[in-house]
Amino acid sequence: MHIAYFDAFSGASGDMILGALLDAGLPQQELENGLEALNLPGWSLETRREARGAITGTRLVVHEENPQPHRHYRDLKSLLERSRLPETVKETSLRILQRLAEAEARVHGMDPEEVHFHEVGALDTLVDVVGAVLGLELLGIRHAACSPLPLGHGFVECSHGRLPLPAPATVALLGGVPVRSGGASRELVTPTGAAILTTVCRTFGPMPSMILEKVGYGVGSHPEANPPNVLRLLVGERKAELPSRPLLVLETHIDDMNPEFYDHLLEGCLRDGALDVSLIPMHMKKNRPAVLVRVLAEPEKKDAILRRIFSDSSTLGVRWYAVERAELPRRTFQVPTPWGSVTVKEAHAPDGSSRIQPEYDDCKRAAREHNVSILHVYEEAKRLARGMSDK
């Protein structure tokens, strides 16, 4: 699996991200051909080699060949929705622009649809965002990660007046992302750079293990050499690794609740989107018997799960932490048994074999309705599913 790691030792911006992709081997002509799907005339890309201190990389500049109209977020969204871009590129680009518009709107107290990208220009923003997403696609990147992001300090003058650094929109976009002081009195991470990286990167932290293939350096517009205004991109291959995704574990200790209520709590968490819920017997202080309630969920389900635990249990506090779960590729399909349709889940193991698991609830329903053994229903569903899988 091809992976990319953005080493943002000196920050990141939209043009630096796109410049790093080009420097790492993204063919400029393929990028320009892909961007033609925007159906947006009157601009061109220029790339040139530039140095910042001791590091030389690719500097990307978007030129407006004809005066461009003022565009708000709603205009950029409409352009993308009408474009001929691949659906995956279109969807990710729309998500980045939406997050950027919502961050700007939240800071300045306005409707996201009315956000106008004053500082960098709507054209630059659109090309940087779509170009970055398209570039990752063209390079075959299946997993992107990023280092903790360094933030500058000081103030910057913009169309909204004097703003502190990091810019408020940048801070709004970096919620939940590891950051550090960059030690520079200038902007290191721009809102566009923050929006792109926090959308396309699945993890932030140390560089993942890989067989390194390419390195690219994207040069920013600031001439500063200390630290050099450069973003480094490392591209490599990660072999024999199962697909994984970030999840959350939420858990709490309970020692004062009617045991009959746990069933209701478990069912409620599952209805609210929990992937798994477990109840683990334990002993607490003074040797009191207790239960550890542990819930596995996607990060976006956190608030719903928290509300459920607090409303349906006696706990006074819940903790959570991030985990990474490796998952076997799987699919779900229906098999027609003599007792009705049964849902079956098929997973593929690393050795190429498959594992077939009929759904218990479907087997139980069929067994009750037809007064047959649940074991008979289960084995027949499994046999039929194996035959369908082999075809």
Protein backbone atom coordinates (compact mmCIF):
# COMPACT_ATOMS: atom_id res chain seq x y z
CA MET A 1 0.00 0.00 0.00
CA HIS A 2 1.38 3.41 -0.99
CA ILE A 3 1.51 5.86 1.90
CA ALA A 4 2.51 9.52 2.21
CA TYR A 5 3.90 11.31 5.24
CA PHE A 6 3.85 15.11 5.42
CA ASP A 7 6.82 16.19 7.54
CA ALA A 8 5.66 19.71 8.43
CA PHE A 9 8.80 20.80 10.30
CA SER A 10 8.19 24.37 9.12
CA GLY A 11 4.44 24.45 8.66
CA ALA A 12 2.21 23.92 5.65
CA SER A 13 0.11 25.84 3.15
CA GLY A 14 -1.92 24.83 0.12
CA ASP A 15 0.79 25.74 -2.40
CA MET A 16 3.46 23.98 -0.30
CA ILE A 17 1.40 20.77 -0.24
CA LEU A 18 0.89 20.82 -3.99
CA GLY A 19 4.54 21.77 -4.59
CA ALA A 20 5.69 18.84 -2.43
CA LEU A 21 3.50 16.43 -4.42
CA LEU A 22 5.00 17.69 -7.69
CA ASP A 23 8.52 17.49 -6.27
CA ALA A 24 7.84 13.88 -5.19
CA GLY A 25 7.05 12.83 -8.75
CA LEU A 26 3.52 13.97 -9.55
CA PRO A 27 3.65 14.80 -13.31
CA GLN A 28 2.63 18.43 -13.80
CA GLN A 29 0.93 17.68 -17.12
CA GLU A 30 -1.23 14.98 -15.54
CA LEU A 31 -2.16 17.40 -12.75
CA GLU A 32 -3.10 20.14 -15.24
CA ASN A 33 -5.09 17.69 -17.36
CA GLY A 34 -6.99 16.60 -14.26
CA LEU A 35 -7.67 20.19 -13.18
CA GLU A 36 -9.21 20.91 -16.58
CA ALA A 37 -12.22 18.97 -15.32
CA LEU A 38 -13.09 22.06 -13.26
CA ASN A 39 -14.13 23.80 -16.49
CA LEU A 40 -12.51 26.96 -15.14
CA PRO A 41 -10.60 28.99 -17.78
CA GLY A 42 -8.22 31.88 -17.31
CA TRP A 43 -5.41 30.47 -15.18
CA SER A 44 -2.16 28.56 -15.45
CA LEU A 45 0.37 26.82 -13.21
CA GLU A 46 4.02 27.76 -12.98
CA THR A 47 6.58 25.60 -11.19
CA ARG A 48 10.17 26.55 -10.54
CA ARG A 49 13.07 25.42 -8.39
CA GLU A 50 13.69 27.66 -5.40
CA ALA A 51 15.84 27.43 -2.29
CA ARG A 52 15.01 28.28 1.30
CA GLY A 53 18.25 28.18 3.23
CA ALA A 54 20.04 24.93 2.41
CA ILE A 55 16.94 23.20 1.00
CA THR A 56 15.82 23.37 -2.62
CA GLY A 57 12.37 22.29 -3.73
CA THR A 58 9.44 23.05 -6.01
CA ARG A 59 7.67 26.39 -5.80
CA LEU A 60 4.17 26.44 -7.26
CA VAL A 61 2.47 29.65 -8.42
CA VAL A 62 -1.07 29.98 -9.78
CA HIS A 63 -1.30 32.73 -12.40
CA GLU A 64 -4.56 34.44 -13.32
CA GLU A 65 -4.41 34.96 -17.08
CA ASN A 66 -7.72 36.81 -17.06
CA PRO A 67 -9.29 38.78 -14.20
CA GLN A 68 -11.30 36.36 -12.09
CA PRO A 69 -14.68 37.27 -10.57
CA HIS A 70 -15.06 37.45 -6.80
CA ARG A 71 -16.13 34.03 -5.59
CA HIS A 72 -17.64 32.93 -2.32
CA TYR A 73 -17.78 29.42 -0.89
CA ARG A 74 -21.15 28.82 -2.54
CA ASP A 75 -19.57 29.63 -5.93
CA LEU A 76 -16.67 27.24 -5.41
CA LYS A 77 -19.06 24.52 -4.25
CA SER A 78 -21.17 24.98 -7.37
CA LEU A 79 -18.08 24.80 -9.60
CA LEU A 80 -16.99 21.55 -7.98
CA GLU A 81 -20.44 19.98 -8.12
CA ARG A 82 -20.68 20.71 -11.86
CA SER A 83 -17.12 19.57 -12.61
CA ARG A 84 -16.04 16.37 -14.40
CA LEU A 85 -13.69 15.39 -11.58
CA PRO A 86 -13.72 11.77 -10.32
CA GLU A 87 -16.34 11.37 -7.61
CA THR A 88 -13.80 10.54 -4.89
CA VAL A 89 -11.77 13.65 -5.70
CA LYS A 90 -14.90 15.79 -5.87
CA GLU A 91 -16.26 14.56 -2.53
CA THR A 92 -12.98 15.05 -0.64
CA SER A 93 -12.43 18.50 -2.18
CA LEU A 94 -15.95 19.57 -1.24
CA ARG A 95 -15.37 18.37 2.32
CA ILE A 96 -12.15 20.40 2.59
CA LEU A 97 -13.76 23.57 1.24
CA GLN A 98 -16.78 23.12 3.51
CA ARG A 99 -14.59 22.76 6.61
CA LEU A 100 -12.56 25.81 5.56
CA ALA A 101 -15.70 27.90 5.00
CA GLU A 102 -17.25 26.78 8.29
CA ALA A 103 -14.06 27.66 10.20
CA GLU A 104 -13.93 31.14 8.63
CA ALA A 105 -17.65 31.66 9.22
CA ARG A 106 -17.40 30.62 12.88
CA VAL A 107 -14.55 33.04 13.50
CA HIS A 108 -16.13 36.01 11.73
CA GLY A 109 -19.76 35.37 12.65
CA MET A 110 -21.25 34.86 9.20
CA ASP A 111 -23.01 32.32 7.00
CA PRO A 112 -20.56 29.77 5.53
CA GLU A 113 -22.19 30.19 2.12
CA GLU A 114 -21.12 33.85 2.16
CA VAL A 115 -17.46 33.26 3.06
CA HIS A 116 -15.10 34.95 0.61
CA PHE A 117 -11.48 33.81 0.58
CA HIS A 118 -9.97 37.29 0.62
CA GLU A 119 -6.37 36.63 1.57
CA VAL A 120 -5.26 33.94 -0.87
CA GLY A 121 -7.98 34.29 -3.47
CA ALA A 122 -10.72 31.85 -4.39
CA LEU A 123 -8.84 30.64 -7.47
CA ASP A 124 -5.68 29.78 -5.53
CA THR A 125 -7.75 28.06 -2.85
CA LEU A 126 -9.65 25.95 -5.37
CA VAL A 127 -6.52 24.90 -7.30
CA ASP A 128 -4.59 24.10 -4.10
CA VAL A 129 -7.41 22.03 -2.60
CA VAL A 130 -8.44 20.11 -5.72
CA GLY A 131 -4.82 19.78 -6.86
CA ALA A 132 -3.76 18.25 -3.53
CA VAL A 133 -6.59 15.71 -3.53
CA LEU A 134 -6.08 14.90 -7.21
CA GLY A 135 -2.31 14.63 -6.70
CA LEU A 136 -2.68 12.06 -3.93
CA GLU A 137 -5.03 10.11 -6.18
CA LEU A 138 -2.66 10.22 -9.16
CA LEU A 139 0.28 9.08 -7.01
CA GLY A 140 -1.78 6.13 -5.80
CA ILE A 141 -1.65 7.16 -2.14
CA ARG A 142 -3.98 5.04 -0.02
CA HIS A 143 -2.95 6.36 3.40
CA ALA A 144 -1.72 9.84 4.33
CA ALA A 145 -0.23 10.85 7.68
CA CYS A 146 1.32 14.03 9.05
CA SER A 147 3.69 15.16 11.76
CA PRO A 148 2.49 17.37 14.64
CA LEU A 149 1.98 20.84 13.22
CA PRO A 150 4.17 23.79 14.30
CA LEU A 151 2.39 27.09 14.92
CA GLY A 152 3.84 30.56 14.66
CA HIS A 153 3.11 33.59 16.83
CA GLY A 154 2.60 37.31 16.43
CA PHE A 155 0.02 39.18 14.36
CA VAL A 156 -0.99 39.47 10.72
CA GLU A 157 -2.87 42.21 8.89
CA CYS A 158 -5.72 41.00 6.67
CA SER A 159 -9.02 42.17 5.23
CA HIS A 160 -10.73 41.50 8.58
CA GLY A 161 -8.18 43.64 10.44
CA ARG A 162 -5.35 42.59 12.71
CA LEU A 163 -5.47 38.93 13.69
CA PRO A 164 -3.30 36.91 16.09
CA LEU A 165 -1.18 34.02 14.86
CA PRO A 166 -1.95 31.24 14.41
CA ALA A 167 -4.96 32.61 12.52
CA PRO A 168 -8.28 31.93 14.28
CA ALA A 169 -9.55 29.89 11.32
CA THR A 170 -6.42 27.72 11.47
CA VAL A 171 -6.96 27.10 15.19
CA ALA A 172 -10.60 26.17 14.52
CA LEU A 173 -9.49 23.58 11.97
CA LEU A 174 -6.86 21.99 14.20
CA GLY A 175 -9.13 20.74 16.96
CA GLY A 176 -8.00 17.27 18.04
CA VAL A 177 -4.70 17.52 16.13
CA PRO A 178 -1.29 17.53 17.90
CA VAL A 179 0.40 20.91 17.58
CA ARG A 180 3.57 22.51 18.93
CA SER A 181 5.26 25.89 19.00
CA GLY A 182 7.16 26.57 15.81
CA GLY A 183 9.24 29.32 17.44
CA ALA A 184 8.72 31.74 14.54
CA SER A 185 7.03 35.14 14.54
CA ARG A 186 5.18 34.47 11.28
CA GLU A 187 2.38 32.30 9.95
CA LEU A 188 3.52 28.69 9.62
CA VAL A 189 0.26 26.83 9.00
CA THR A 190 -2.35 28.57 6.84
CA PRO A 191 -6.08 27.85 7.01
CA THR A 192 -5.97 26.18 3.59
CA GLY A 193 -3.03 24.02 4.61
CA ALA A 194 -4.77 23.07 7.86
CA ALA A 195 -8.02 22.22 6.06
CA ILE A 196 -6.27 19.97 3.53
CA LEU A 197 -4.06 18.09 5.98
CA THR A 198 -6.73 17.54 8.64
CA THR A 199 -9.06 16.11 5.99
CA VAL A 200 -6.77 13.85 3.95
CA CYS A 201 -4.48 12.65 6.78
CA ARG A 202 -5.78 9.79 8.91
CA THR A 203 -3.11 10.07 11.61
CA PHE A 204 -0.85 12.75 13.12
CA GLY A 205 2.35 11.76 14.88
CA PRO A 206 5.60 9.88 14.16
CA MET A 207 6.38 8.76 10.65
CA PRO A 208 4.87 5.33 9.91
CA SER A 209 7.14 2.47 8.87
CA MET A 210 7.60 2.31 5.12
CA ILE A 211 10.01 1.39 2.36
CA LEU A 212 10.96 4.91 1.27
CA GLU A 213 10.60 5.52 -2.46
CA LYS A 214 10.41 9.28 -3.05
CA VAL A 215 10.96 12.54 -1.18
CA GLY A 216 9.59 15.90 -2.25
CA TYR A 217 10.00 19.45 -0.93
CA GLY A 218 7.29 22.06 -1.43
CA VAL A 219 8.57 25.63 -1.14
CA GLY A 220 6.33 28.35 0.29
CA SER A 221 6.12 32.03 -0.61
CA HIS A 222 7.89 33.31 2.51
CA PRO A 223 11.63 33.94 1.92
CA GLU A 224 12.55 33.09 5.51
CA ALA A 225 15.32 30.49 5.86
CA ASN A 226 15.11 29.98 9.62
CA PRO A 227 13.15 27.82 9.77
CA PRO A 228 13.11 27.28 5.99
CA ASN A 229 9.64 27.78 4.49
CA VAL A 230 9.52 24.21 3.15
CA LEU A 231 7.21 21.20 3.53
CA ARG A 232 8.73 17.74 3.16
CA LEU A 233 6.74 14.82 1.74
CA LEU A 234 7.92 11.22 2.05
CA VAL A 235 6.26 8.60 -0.15
CA GLY A 236 6.76 4.87 0.30
CA GLU A 237 5.29 1.41 0.37
CA ARG A 238 3.85 -0.28 3.42
CA LYS A 239 3.56 -4.00 2.74
CA ALA A 240 1.58 -6.80 4.33
CA GLU A 241 -0.42 -4.51 6.56
CA LEU A 242 -4.10 -4.93 7.15
CA PRO A 243 -6.44 -1.98 6.59
CA SER A 244 -7.00 -0.03 9.77
CA ARG A 245 -8.95 2.97 10.96
CA PRO A 246 -8.92 5.21 14.02
CA LEU A 247 -11.59 4.50 16.65
CA LEU A 248 -12.39 5.56 20.20
CA VAL A 249 -12.73 3.47 23.36
CA LEU A 250 -15.09 4.96 25.96
CA GLU A 251 -15.19 3.33 29.37
CA THR A 252 -16.36 3.76 32.93
CA HIS A 253 -16.44 1.82 36.23
CA ILE A 254 -19.85 1.27 37.84
CA ASP A 255 -20.41 -0.25 41.30
CA ASP A 256 -23.82 1.08 42.34
CA MET A 257 -26.31 0.20 39.59
CA ASN A 258 -29.06 -2.39 39.36
CA PRO A 259 -27.54 -5.19 37.22
CA GLU A 260 -30.79 -5.50 35.25
CA PHE A 261 -30.17 -2.04 33.77
CA TYR A 262 -26.97 -3.08 31.95
CA ASP A 263 -28.91 -4.77 29.17
CA HIS A 264 -30.80 -1.54 28.47
CA LEU A 265 -27.53 0.44 28.47
CA LEU A 266 -25.85 -2.02 26.11
CA GLU A 267 -28.74 -1.97 23.63
CA GLY A 268 -28.90 1.83 23.74
CA CYS A 269 -25.18 2.19 22.94
CA LEU A 270 -25.53 -0.16 19.97
CA ARG A 271 -28.53 1.80 18.68
CA ASP A 272 -26.47 5.00 18.94
CA GLY A 273 -23.81 3.56 16.66
CA ALA A 274 -21.38 1.73 18.95
CA LEU A 275 -19.38 -0.93 17.13
CA ASP A 276 -19.04 -3.08 20.25
CA VAL A 277 -19.98 -2.95 23.93
CA SER A 278 -18.51 -5.17 26.65
CA LEU A 279 -19.24 -5.59 30.36
CA ILE A 280 -16.22 -6.78 32.36
CA PRO A 281 -16.54 -7.88 36.03
CA MET A 282 -14.02 -6.28 38.38
CA HIS A 283 -13.40 -5.28 41.98
CA MET A 284 -12.92 -1.71 43.16
CA LYS A 285 -11.82 -0.15 46.45
CA LYS A 286 -13.00 -1.83 49.64
CA ASN A 287 -13.35 -4.97 47.47
CA ARG A 288 -16.69 -3.79 46.05
CA PRO A 289 -17.84 -5.79 43.00
CA ALA A 290 -18.16 -3.58 39.95
CA VAL A 291 -18.46 -3.62 36.17
CA LEU A 292 -16.16 -2.03 33.59
CA VAL A 293 -18.35 -0.77 30.73
CA ARG A 294 -16.24 -0.51 27.57
CA VAL A 295 -17.60 0.87 24.29
CA LEU A 296 -15.84 0.86 20.91
CA ALA A 297 -17.09 3.54 18.51
CA GLU A 298 -16.18 5.77 15.60
CA PRO A 299 -14.95 9.23 16.73
CA GLU A 300 -18.01 11.02 15.34
CA LYS A 301 -20.28 8.89 17.56
CA LYS A 302 -18.55 10.02 20.76
CA ASP A 303 -21.09 12.63 21.89
CA ALA A 304 -24.07 10.32 21.30
CA ILE A 305 -22.41 7.49 23.24
CA LEU A 306 -21.48 9.84 26.11
CA ARG A 307 -25.06 11.05 26.38
CA ARG A 308 -26.30 7.47 26.40
CA ILE A 309 -23.94 6.34 29.17
CA PHE A 310 -24.72 9.34 31.36
CA SER A 311 -28.50 9.04 30.86
CA ASP A 312 -28.81 5.26 31.22
CA SER A 313 -26.28 4.49 33.95
CA SER A 314 -25.31 5.73 37.41
CA THR A 315 -21.78 6.77 36.45
CA LEU A 316 -20.48 10.27 37.15
CA GLY A 317 -17.61 10.22 34.64
CA VAL A 318 -16.52 8.60 31.37
CA ARG A 319 -13.02 8.52 29.93
CA TRP A 320 -12.04 7.90 26.33
CA TYR A 321 -8.91 7.34 24.29
CA ALA A 322 -7.99 6.81 20.65
CA VAL A 323 -7.13 3.39 19.28
CA GLU A 324 -6.30 2.02 15.83
CA ARG A 325 -8.17 -1.12 14.74
CA ALA A 326 -6.93 -3.42 11.97
CA GLU A 327 -9.80 -4.96 10.06
CA LEU A 328 -10.16 -7.85 7.65
CA PRO A 329 -11.79 -6.91 4.32
CA ARG A 330 -15.41 -7.99 4.51
CA ARG A 331 -18.76 -7.95 2.78
CA THR A 332 -22.34 -8.69 3.82
CA PHE A 333 -24.89 -10.47 1.64
CA GLN A 334 -28.15 -12.45 1.84
CA VAL A 335 -28.56 -16.20 1.30
CA PRO A 336 -31.98 -17.76 0.58
CA THR A 337 -32.47 -20.71 2.96
CA PRO A 338 -35.53 -23.01 3.10
CA TRP A 339 -36.63 -20.97 6.13
CA GLY A 340 -36.18 -17.50 4.70
CA SER A 341 -33.38 -15.09 3.90
CA VAL A 342 -30.38 -15.02 6.27
CA THR A 343 -27.73 -12.29 6.40
CA VAL A 344 -24.17 -13.58 6.15
CA LYS A 345 -20.88 -11.78 6.75
CA GLU A 346 -17.79 -12.90 4.81
CA ALA A 347 -14.28 -11.80 5.83
CA HIS A 348 -11.04 -12.44 3.93
CA ALA A 349 -7.97 -13.47 5.95
CA PRO A 350 -4.39 -12.47 5.00
CA ASP A 351 -3.67 -16.02 3.80
CA GLY A 352 -6.45 -15.73 1.19
CA SER A 353 -8.98 -17.90 3.01
CA SER A 354 -12.47 -16.66 3.80
CA ARG A 355 -14.50 -16.79 6.99
CA ILE A 356 -18.28 -16.99 6.81
CA GLN A 357 -20.53 -16.07 9.73
CA PRO A 358 -24.35 -16.15 9.50
CA GLU A 359 -26.08 -13.49 11.60
CA TYR A 360 -27.40 -14.93 14.84
CA ASP A 361 -30.60 -12.84 14.94
CA ASP A 362 -31.64 -14.00 11.46
CA CYS A 363 -30.95 -17.65 12.34
CA LYS A 364 -32.90 -17.32 15.60
CA ARG A 365 -35.88 -15.78 13.81
CA ALA A 366 -35.94 -18.51 11.17
CA ALA A 367 -35.63 -21.27 13.79
CA ARG A 368 -38.52 -19.89 15.87
CA GLU A 369 -40.83 -19.23 12.93
CA HIS A 370 -40.35 -22.72 11.45
CA ASN A 371 -39.74 -24.68 14.68
CA VAL A 372 -36.39 -26.06 13.54
CA SER A 373 -33.00 -26.27 15.23
CA ILE A 374 -31.01 -23.04 15.15
CA LEU A 375 -27.90 -25.16 14.54
CA HIS A 376 -29.54 -26.59 11.42
CA VAL A 377 -30.39 -23.09 10.12
CA TYR A 378 -26.91 -21.83 10.91
CA GLU A 379 -25.07 -24.67 9.17
CA GLU A 380 -27.32 -24.58 6.11
CA ALA A 381 -26.90 -20.79 5.76
CA LYS A 382 -23.14 -21.23 6.05
CA ARG A 383 -23.11 -24.01 3.43
CA LEU A 384 -25.18 -21.99 0.97
CA ALA A 385 -23.06 -18.90 1.55
CA ARG A 386 -19.87 -20.87 0.92
CA GLY A 387 -21.28 -22.00 -2.42
CA MET A 388 -22.20 -18.44 -3.40
CA SER A 389 -18.76 -17.19 -2.34
CA ASP A 390 -16.94 -19.79 -4.45
CA LYS A 391 -18.73 -18.77 -7.65
